[in-house]
Every structure is written in structure tokens, then in C-alpha cells.
Amino acid sequence: MSETQMISWIIPAYNEENRIQKTMTSLVNEFQGLKYEILVIDDGSTDNTSNIVDVLCKNCIHYTLVKAEHRGRGGALKLGIQRAVGDMVVLSSADIVIQRENLLKSLELLKRSSDIVMLSKYLTGSQVIARKTARNKLGLIFMFLVRWLFHVQFRDTQGVKLCRSDVIKSLSDHSSFDDYLFDTEVAIQAHRQGFVVSEVPWSFVEVEGSKVRLIDVPKMFVGLLKLRFKVI
């Protein structure tokens, strides 16, 4: 990767006091030698998330804390995308630490031939450690509905995404969703607009604390129907 290219890593955080510090410090270790910024968008947390991140920011020039009213994952990501100054923008989560090998390979693919690179949990070669069975089933159900409703071959639209800055800023500006569907909308709209979207396998350890539950399936289905009607 060229020395002039910068990575903007965006973490939306809502009540993540138990996970955010470990994630942020681990990322710094993986980014050694790279030009980067880590933007934590506090999505209206009511716990100690902001205070923890604020202390970390005072000790590392690569960290930036942005406080916002609660809108949801998508709303926080949109704000982060607006603030990002990198040539490459990464959409992540408070529980995700990417291994350096995965990061460098994905960045090279983005630089060479893709507009968006999605890290998929469900491709052959992926390894997810400590992932709960219920959450895994929920993810598989969600992706079945995505492929059925939108006639795409994506295996995982909800994971980490590495994006060209100009592409994700354009997609974000025209997004209608402020919740978890922002991720799916970005992938679908990028595909429909002719951008090159690649999927690659990856390995990571899932950290306890997910707020997604099996009882959320009906809500997810309704949300996907709304997105389907939008993109017709």
C-alpha cells in the first residue's frame, strides 16, 4: 500500500464499555507501520463508553471520539464516513479486531481491483472462534433472505467492509437507513450501481456482548422488505 494512502477505521459504539478498550488497543497493534485513524462514534451511549474512549484518545493521536445522539448503527457509521479523511474507509464494530494478514490482503485487493471488500464469515476458509450457535443461525437466515429478495450472491453483508472513500461517501449520502440495514443497503446499492464488490474469508474471535437475538428475525424481515421496495 502506498505511503500516501490512509485508512479510516470507523467503530460505531452504543453502550460498549466492556469491549471498546480492548478492541481499540488491539487494533493499534495490528496497524503498526500504516497510516491510519480510528474513529469511535459514540451513538448516544448511557454507560461509560465515552469516558473510556476519551481517556484513550488523550494517549494516542490515532484515536478520535465523536459523540452523537442515538440513531443506530447506520446513523453512527454515516457520521463516521462524513468525518473520515482516509483514502480507504473501513466499517467495523466494537467487537472486531482484524488480524494484520487479513487487513493487508484486503487492502491490496481494494487497491488493485475492488471498490468494496466485504469480509465474510460464511465463505470457505473463514474461521469464527467462540461464535454462539443462535447468532450463527440468525446470520444465515438473514443472508438467505437477502439473496432471495435481492437476487445477489453475497454470503455476508453484515461484516467488516473496506471501501474506497469516494465510493462509500457517495453510497452513504444516498442511504435511507440508520440501523443495521445500512450495511445491507450499501452492499446492494453498490452492486446495482456497477461497483466492484468482492468477498473474502477471514478469521476472528467473537467477543461476548452482541445485542442481536433470534426474536429479532421478524423485525429483520420487515426491514428487508422496506429495503426491497426502495431499490425496485
C-alpha atoms as a PDB file:
ATOM      1  CA  MET A   1       0.000   0.000   0.000  1.00  0.00           C
ATOM      2  CA  SER A   2       1.310   3.440  -0.907  1.00  0.00           C
ATOM      3  CA  GLU A   3       2.681   5.526   1.962  1.00  0.00           C
ATOM      4  CA  THR A   4       0.323   8.357   0.997  1.00  0.00           C
ATOM      5  CA  GLN A   5      -2.792   6.222   1.454  1.00  0.00           C
ATOM      6  CA  MET A   6      -4.549   6.497   4.773  1.00  0.00           C
ATOM      7  CA  ILE A   7      -7.023   4.137   6.448  1.00  0.00           C
ATOM      8  CA  SER A   8     -10.026   5.459   8.361  1.00  0.00           C
ATOM      9  CA  TRP A   9     -11.338   2.710  10.674  1.00  0.00           C
ATOM     10  CA  ILE A  10     -14.847   3.510  11.941  1.00  0.00           C
ATOM     11  CA  ILE A  11     -16.300   1.939  15.089  1.00  0.00           C
ATOM     12  CA  PRO A  12     -19.944   2.702  15.968  1.00  0.00           C
ATOM     13  CA  ALA A  13     -20.344   2.224  19.707  1.00  0.00           C
ATOM     14  CA  TYR A  14     -23.504   2.065  21.808  1.00  0.00           C
ATOM     15  CA  ASN A  15     -23.036   1.048  25.452  1.00  0.00           C
ATOM     16  CA  GLU A  16     -19.771  -0.764  24.718  1.00  0.00           C
ATOM     17  CA  GLU A  17     -17.893  -0.051  27.955  1.00  0.00           C
ATOM     18  CA  ASN A  18     -16.998  -3.736  28.377  1.00  0.00           C
ATOM     19  CA  ARG A  19     -15.454  -4.189  24.920  1.00  0.00           C
ATOM     20  CA  ILE A  20     -14.291  -0.914  23.414  1.00  0.00           C
ATOM     21  CA  GLN A  21     -10.923  -0.501  25.160  1.00  0.00           C
ATOM     22  CA  LYS A  22      -9.675  -3.974  24.263  1.00  0.00           C
ATOM     23  CA  THR A  23     -10.757  -3.509  20.652  1.00  0.00           C
ATOM     24  CA  MET A  24      -9.099  -0.113  20.245  1.00  0.00           C
ATOM     25  CA  THR A  25      -5.771  -1.111  21.784  1.00  0.00           C
ATOM     26  CA  SER A  26      -5.666  -4.355  19.803  1.00  0.00           C
ATOM     27  CA  LEU A  27      -6.230  -2.505  16.531  1.00  0.00           C
ATOM     28  CA  VAL A  28      -3.241  -0.240  17.155  1.00  0.00           C
ATOM     29  CA  ASN A  29      -1.026  -3.312  17.377  1.00  0.00           C
ATOM     30  CA  GLU A  30      -2.307  -4.575  14.012  1.00  0.00           C
ATOM     31  CA  PHE A  31      -1.825  -1.179  12.318  1.00  0.00           C
ATOM     32  CA  GLN A  32       1.884  -0.775  13.109  1.00  0.00           C
ATOM     33  CA  GLY A  33       3.655   0.916  10.190  1.00  0.00           C
ATOM     34  CA  LEU A  34       0.433   2.033   8.487  1.00  0.00           C
ATOM     35  CA  LYS A  35      -1.084   5.491   8.174  1.00  0.00           C
ATOM     36  CA  TYR A  36      -4.449   5.392   9.915  1.00  0.00           C
ATOM     37  CA  GLU A  37      -7.081   6.923  12.144  1.00  0.00           C
ATOM     38  CA  ILE A  38      -9.595   5.149  14.374  1.00  0.00           C
ATOM     39  CA  LEU A  39     -12.895   6.990  14.690  1.00  0.00           C
ATOM     40  CA  VAL A  40     -15.177   5.897  17.529  1.00  0.00           C
ATOM     41  CA  ILE A  41     -18.696   7.202  17.058  1.00  0.00           C
ATOM     42  CA  ASP A  42     -20.457   7.097  20.425  1.00  0.00           C
ATOM     43  CA  ASP A  43     -24.072   6.577  19.402  1.00  0.00           C
ATOM     44  CA  GLY A  44     -25.643   8.155  22.476  1.00  0.00           C
ATOM     45  CA  SER A  45     -24.304   5.637  24.998  1.00  0.00           C
ATOM     46  CA  THR A  46     -25.742   5.768  28.501  1.00  0.00           C
ATOM     47  CA  ASP A  47     -22.849   3.886  30.117  1.00  0.00           C
ATOM     48  CA  ASN A  48     -19.152   4.747  30.473  1.00  0.00           C
ATOM     49  CA  THR A  49     -18.201   4.245  26.812  1.00  0.00           C
ATOM     50  CA  SER A  50     -17.406   7.898  26.059  1.00  0.00           C
ATOM     51  CA  ASN A  51     -15.267   8.342  29.169  1.00  0.00           C
ATOM     52  CA  ILE A  52     -13.217   5.253  28.380  1.00  0.00           C
ATOM     53  CA  VAL A  53     -12.625   6.336  24.779  1.00  0.00           C
ATOM     54  CA  ASP A  54     -11.861   9.916  25.840  1.00  0.00           C
ATOM     55  CA  VAL A  55      -9.054   8.720  28.124  1.00  0.00           C
ATOM     56  CA  LEU A  56      -7.619   6.554  25.331  1.00  0.00           C
ATOM     57  CA  CYS A  57      -7.744   9.487  22.893  1.00  0.00           C
ATOM     58  CA  LYS A  58      -5.522  11.560  25.197  1.00  0.00           C
ATOM     59  CA  ASN A  59      -2.801   8.918  24.951  1.00  0.00           C
ATOM     60  CA  CYS A  60      -2.924   8.110  21.224  1.00  0.00           C
ATOM     61  CA  ILE A  61      -3.022  10.581  18.332  1.00  0.00           C
ATOM     62  CA  HIS A  62      -4.678   7.986  16.078  1.00  0.00           C
ATOM     63  CA  TYR A  63      -7.911   7.904  18.116  1.00  0.00           C
ATOM     64  CA  THR A  64     -10.825  10.287  17.655  1.00  0.00           C
ATOM     65  CA  LEU A  65     -14.056  10.295  19.666  1.00  0.00           C
ATOM     66  CA  VAL A  66     -17.220  11.674  18.084  1.00  0.00           C
ATOM     67  CA  LYS A  67     -20.265  11.973  20.340  1.00  0.00           C
ATOM     68  CA  ALA A  68     -23.705  11.788  18.761  1.00  0.00           C
ATOM     69  CA  GLU A  69     -27.367  11.336  19.608  1.00  0.00           C
ATOM     70  CA  HIS A  70     -28.612   7.765  19.410  1.00  0.00           C
ATOM     71  CA  ARG A  71     -29.625   6.897  15.844  1.00  0.00           C
ATOM     72  CA  GLY A  72     -28.467   3.337  15.391  1.00  0.00           C
ATOM     73  CA  ARG A  73     -25.513   1.587  13.776  1.00  0.00           C
ATOM     74  CA  GLY A  74     -26.165   3.061  10.355  1.00  0.00           C
ATOM     75  CA  GLY A  75     -26.536   6.591  11.657  1.00  0.00           C
ATOM     76  CA  ALA A  76     -23.255   6.308  13.552  1.00  0.00           C
ATOM     77  CA  LEU A  77     -21.468   4.903  10.511  1.00  0.00           C
ATOM     78  CA  LYS A  78     -22.783   7.739   8.328  1.00  0.00           C
ATOM     79  CA  LEU A  79     -21.375  10.301  10.744  1.00  0.00           C
ATOM     80  CA  GLY A  80     -18.053   8.486  10.794  1.00  0.00           C
ATOM     81  CA  ILE A  81     -17.946   8.361   6.999  1.00  0.00           C
ATOM     82  CA  GLN A  82     -18.536  12.117   6.871  1.00  0.00           C
ATOM     83  CA  ARG A  83     -15.653  12.713   9.298  1.00  0.00           C
ATOM     84  CA  ALA A  84     -13.247  10.198   7.733  1.00  0.00           C
ATOM     85  CA  VAL A  85     -10.209  11.652   5.954  1.00  0.00           C
ATOM     86  CA  GLY A  86      -8.678   8.383   4.742  1.00  0.00           C
ATOM     87  CA  ASP A  87      -8.378   7.153   1.166  1.00  0.00           C
ATOM     88  CA  MET A  88      -9.805   3.846   2.387  1.00  0.00           C
ATOM     89  CA  VAL A  89     -12.668   3.657   4.867  1.00  0.00           C
ATOM     90  CA  VAL A  90     -13.371   0.590   6.998  1.00  0.00           C
ATOM     91  CA  LEU A  91     -16.810  -0.037   8.516  1.00  0.00           C
ATOM     92  CA  SER A  92     -16.387  -2.177  11.611  1.00  0.00           C
ATOM     93  CA  SER A  93     -17.869  -2.919  15.051  1.00  0.00           C
ATOM     94  CA  ALA A  94     -16.880  -2.529  18.693  1.00  0.00           C
ATOM     95  CA  ASP A  95     -16.094  -6.242  18.993  1.00  0.00           C
ATOM     96  CA  ILE A  96     -13.993  -6.672  15.841  1.00  0.00           C
ATOM     97  CA  VAL A  97     -10.209  -6.887  15.701  1.00  0.00           C
ATOM     98  CA  ILE A  98      -8.869  -7.832  12.283  1.00  0.00           C
ATOM     99  CA  GLN A  99      -5.636  -9.787  12.013  1.00  0.00           C
ATOM    100  CA  ARG A 100      -2.879  -7.922  10.217  1.00  0.00           C
ATOM    101  CA  GLU A 101      -2.580 -10.575   7.492  1.00  0.00           C
ATOM    102  CA  ASN A 102      -6.295 -10.267   6.665  1.00  0.00           C
ATOM    103  CA  LEU A 103      -6.057  -6.480   6.742  1.00  0.00           C
ATOM    104  CA  LEU A 104      -3.115  -6.226   4.340  1.00  0.00           C
ATOM    105  CA  LYS A 105      -4.573  -8.738   1.870  1.00  0.00           C
ATOM    106  CA  SER A 106      -7.931  -6.951   1.858  1.00  0.00           C
ATOM    107  CA  LEU A 107      -6.329  -3.537   1.431  1.00  0.00           C
ATOM    108  CA  GLU A 108      -4.290  -4.817  -1.514  1.00  0.00           C
ATOM    109  CA  LEU A 109      -7.437  -6.245  -3.137  1.00  0.00           C
ATOM    110  CA  LEU A 110      -9.203  -2.924  -2.601  1.00  0.00           C
ATOM    111  CA  LYS A 111      -6.307  -1.037  -4.140  1.00  0.00           C
ATOM    112  CA  ARG A 112      -5.909  -3.390  -7.085  1.00  0.00           C
ATOM    113  CA  SER A 113      -9.366  -4.343  -8.307  1.00  0.00           C
ATOM    114  CA  SER A 114     -12.284  -3.616  -5.960  1.00  0.00           C
ATOM    115  CA  ASP A 115     -14.398  -0.709  -4.774  1.00  0.00           C
ATOM    116  CA  ILE A 116     -15.616  -2.547  -1.672  1.00  0.00           C
ATOM    117  CA  VAL A 117     -14.170  -5.625   0.014  1.00  0.00           C
ATOM    118  CA  MET A 118     -16.510  -7.441   2.413  1.00  0.00           C
ATOM    119  CA  LEU A 119     -15.053  -9.832   4.970  1.00  0.00           C
ATOM    120  CA  SER A 120     -17.391 -12.816   5.063  1.00  0.00           C
ATOM    121  CA  LYS A 121     -17.940 -15.170   7.986  1.00  0.00           C
ATOM    122  CA  TYR A 122     -19.642 -17.728   5.744  1.00  0.00           C
ATOM    123  CA  LEU A 123     -17.123 -18.302   2.958  1.00  0.00           C
ATOM    124  CA  THR A 124     -14.990 -21.421   2.802  1.00  0.00           C
ATOM    125  CA  GLY A 125     -11.771 -20.672   4.643  1.00  0.00           C
ATOM    126  CA  SER A 126     -13.338 -18.399   7.245  1.00  0.00           C
ATOM    127  CA  GLN A 127     -12.868 -19.200  10.908  1.00  0.00           C
ATOM    128  CA  VAL A 128     -15.012 -17.660  13.626  1.00  0.00           C
ATOM    129  CA  ILE A 129     -13.974 -18.608  17.157  1.00  0.00           C
ATOM    130  CA  ALA A 130     -16.442 -18.584  20.080  1.00  0.00           C
ATOM    131  CA  ARG A 131     -19.448 -17.734  17.887  1.00  0.00           C
ATOM    132  CA  LYS A 132     -22.717 -18.751  19.506  1.00  0.00           C
ATOM    133  CA  THR A 133     -24.927 -21.183  17.576  1.00  0.00           C
ATOM    134  CA  ALA A 134     -28.017 -18.972  17.884  1.00  0.00           C
ATOM    135  CA  ARG A 135     -26.234 -15.937  16.428  1.00  0.00           C
ATOM    136  CA  ASN A 136     -24.768 -18.030  13.633  1.00  0.00           C
ATOM    137  CA  LYS A 137     -28.227 -19.326  12.694  1.00  0.00           C
ATOM    138  CA  LEU A 138     -29.619 -15.799  12.772  1.00  0.00           C
ATOM    139  CA  GLY A 139     -26.919 -14.630  10.391  1.00  0.00           C
ATOM    140  CA  LEU A 140     -27.559 -17.492   7.989  1.00  0.00           C
ATOM    141  CA  ILE A 141     -31.316 -16.791   7.992  1.00  0.00           C
ATOM    142  CA  PHE A 142     -30.714 -13.115   7.344  1.00  0.00           C
ATOM    143  CA  MET A 143     -28.397 -13.784   4.415  1.00  0.00           C
ATOM    144  CA  PHE A 144     -30.818 -16.315   2.907  1.00  0.00           C
ATOM    145  CA  LEU A 145     -33.464 -13.582   2.900  1.00  0.00           C
ATOM    146  CA  VAL A 146     -31.026 -11.089   1.340  1.00  0.00           C
ATOM    147  CA  ARG A 147     -30.165 -13.442  -1.516  1.00  0.00           C
ATOM    148  CA  TRP A 148     -33.814 -14.367  -2.062  1.00  0.00           C
ATOM    149  CA  LEU A 149     -35.162 -10.813  -2.057  1.00  0.00           C
ATOM    150  CA  PHE A 150     -32.369  -9.083  -3.992  1.00  0.00           C
ATOM    151  CA  HIS A 151     -31.079 -11.860  -6.273  1.00  0.00           C
ATOM    152  CA  VAL A 152     -27.447 -11.421  -5.266  1.00  0.00           C
ATOM    153  CA  GLN A 153     -24.812 -13.987  -4.365  1.00  0.00           C
ATOM    154  CA  PHE A 154     -23.385 -12.230  -1.309  1.00  0.00           C
ATOM    155  CA  ARG A 155     -22.636 -14.529   1.617  1.00  0.00           C
ATOM    156  CA  ASP A 156     -22.299 -11.869   4.323  1.00  0.00           C
ATOM    157  CA  THR A 157     -23.339  -8.213   4.071  1.00  0.00           C
ATOM    158  CA  GLN A 158     -23.091  -7.545   7.829  1.00  0.00           C
ATOM    159  CA  GLY A 159     -19.389  -7.963   8.408  1.00  0.00           C
ATOM    160  CA  VAL A 160     -16.423  -5.621   8.135  1.00  0.00           C
ATOM    161  CA  LYS A 161     -16.248  -3.652   4.884  1.00  0.00           C
ATOM    162  CA  LEU A 162     -13.184  -1.980   3.401  1.00  0.00           C
ATOM    163  CA  CYS A 163     -14.235   0.722   0.964  1.00  0.00           C
ATOM    164  CA  ARG A 164     -12.801   3.299  -1.367  1.00  0.00           C
ATOM    165  CA  SER A 165     -13.534   6.613   0.300  1.00  0.00           C
ATOM    166  CA  ASP A 166     -15.274   8.236  -2.677  1.00  0.00           C
ATOM    167  CA  VAL A 167     -17.491   5.193  -3.196  1.00  0.00           C
ATOM    168  CA  ILE A 168     -18.690   4.807   0.396  1.00  0.00           C
ATOM    169  CA  LYS A 169     -19.233   8.547   0.821  1.00  0.00           C
ATOM    170  CA  SER A 170     -21.495   8.567  -2.243  1.00  0.00           C
ATOM    171  CA  LEU A 171     -23.426   5.486  -1.097  1.00  0.00           C
ATOM    172  CA  SER A 172     -23.767   6.843   2.438  1.00  0.00           C
ATOM    173  CA  ASP A 173     -25.100  10.198   1.223  1.00  0.00           C
ATOM    174  CA  HIS A 174     -28.000   8.401  -0.501  1.00  0.00           C
ATOM    175  CA  SER A 175     -28.747   5.880   2.254  1.00  0.00           C
ATOM    176  CA  SER A 176     -32.209   5.744   3.841  1.00  0.00           C
ATOM    177  CA  PHE A 177     -31.431   3.521   6.819  1.00  0.00           C
ATOM    178  CA  ASP A 178     -29.892   4.409  10.180  1.00  0.00           C
ATOM    179  CA  ASP A 179     -29.974   0.902  11.680  1.00  0.00           C
ATOM    180  CA  TYR A 180     -28.213  -2.395  10.865  1.00  0.00           C
ATOM    181  CA  LEU A 181     -29.797  -2.361   7.377  1.00  0.00           C
ATOM    182  CA  PHE A 182     -27.346   0.370   6.367  1.00  0.00           C
ATOM    183  CA  ASP A 183     -24.740  -2.355   5.789  1.00  0.00           C
ATOM    184  CA  THR A 184     -27.048  -4.356   3.550  1.00  0.00           C
ATOM    185  CA  GLU A 185     -28.223  -1.267   1.682  1.00  0.00           C
ATOM    186  CA  VAL A 186     -24.621  -0.253   0.937  1.00  0.00           C
ATOM    187  CA  ALA A 187     -23.804  -3.684  -0.480  1.00  0.00           C
ATOM    188  CA  ILE A 188     -26.970  -3.899  -2.587  1.00  0.00           C
ATOM    189  CA  GLN A 189     -26.721  -0.370  -3.959  1.00  0.00           C
ATOM    190  CA  ALA A 190     -23.010  -0.773  -4.745  1.00  0.00           C
ATOM    191  CA  HIS A 191     -23.829  -3.935  -6.705  1.00  0.00           C
ATOM    192  CA  ARG A 192     -26.682  -2.272  -8.586  1.00  0.00           C
ATOM    193  CA  GLN A 193     -24.606   0.776  -9.448  1.00  0.00           C
ATOM    194  CA  GLY A 194     -21.884  -1.350 -11.004  1.00  0.00           C
ATOM    195  CA  PHE A 195     -19.197  -1.020  -8.350  1.00  0.00           C
ATOM    196  CA  VAL A 196     -16.896  -3.992  -7.878  1.00  0.00           C
ATOM    197  CA  VAL A 197     -17.810  -5.697  -4.596  1.00  0.00           C
ATOM    198  CA  SER A 198     -15.561  -8.569  -3.515  1.00  0.00           C
ATOM    199  CA  GLU A 199     -15.958 -11.020  -0.638  1.00  0.00           C
ATOM    200  CA  VAL A 200     -13.059 -12.679   1.135  1.00  0.00           C
ATOM    201  CA  PRO A 201     -12.873 -15.195   4.001  1.00  0.00           C
ATOM    202  CA  TRP A 202     -11.364 -14.160   7.296  1.00  0.00           C
ATOM    203  CA  SER A 203     -10.728 -15.297  10.849  1.00  0.00           C
ATOM    204  CA  PHE A 204     -11.650 -13.587  14.089  1.00  0.00           C
ATOM    205  CA  VAL A 205     -12.655 -14.243  17.679  1.00  0.00           C
ATOM    206  CA  GLU A 206     -16.198 -13.161  18.528  1.00  0.00           C
ATOM    207  CA  VAL A 207     -16.426 -11.192  21.756  1.00  0.00           C
ATOM    208  CA  GLU A 208     -19.401 -11.706  24.071  1.00  0.00           C
ATOM    209  CA  GLY A 209     -21.910  -8.869  24.118  1.00  0.00           C
ATOM    210  CA  SER A 210     -23.958  -8.985  20.911  1.00  0.00           C
ATOM    211  CA  LYS A 211     -27.340  -7.250  21.129  1.00  0.00           C
ATOM    212  CA  VAL A 212     -28.864  -9.310  18.285  1.00  0.00           C
ATOM    213  CA  ARG A 213     -31.385 -12.024  19.235  1.00  0.00           C
ATOM    214  CA  LEU A 214     -33.364 -14.715  17.415  1.00  0.00           C
ATOM    215  CA  ILE A 215     -36.614 -12.922  18.290  1.00  0.00           C
ATOM    216  CA  ASP A 216     -35.398 -10.088  16.036  1.00  0.00           C
ATOM    217  CA  VAL A 217     -35.973 -12.196  12.877  1.00  0.00           C
ATOM    218  CA  PRO A 218     -39.482 -10.789  12.137  1.00  0.00           C
ATOM    219  CA  LYS A 219     -38.148  -7.243  12.514  1.00  0.00           C
ATOM    220  CA  MET A 220     -35.285  -8.046  10.164  1.00  0.00           C
ATOM    221  CA  PHE A 221     -37.676  -9.463   7.571  1.00  0.00           C
ATOM    222  CA  VAL A 222     -39.840  -6.327   7.672  1.00  0.00           C
ATOM    223  CA  GLY A 223     -36.737  -4.181   7.350  1.00  0.00           C
ATOM    224  CA  LEU A 224     -35.538  -6.117   4.323  1.00  0.00           C
ATOM    225  CA  LEU A 225     -38.963  -5.711   2.690  1.00  0.00           C
ATOM    226  CA  LYS A 226     -38.674  -1.951   3.152  1.00  0.00           C
ATOM    227  CA  LEU A 227     -35.258  -2.029   1.514  1.00  0.00           C
ATOM    228  CA  ARG A 228     -36.587  -4.207  -1.305  1.00  0.00           C
ATOM    229  CA  PHE A 229     -39.338  -1.724  -2.124  1.00  0.00           C
ATOM    230  CA  LYS A 230     -36.804   1.106  -2.098  1.00  0.00           C
ATOM    231  CA  VAL A 231     -34.470  -0.466  -4.646  1.00  0.00           C
ATOM    232  CA  ILE A 232     -37.152  -1.716  -7.079  1.00  0.00           C
END
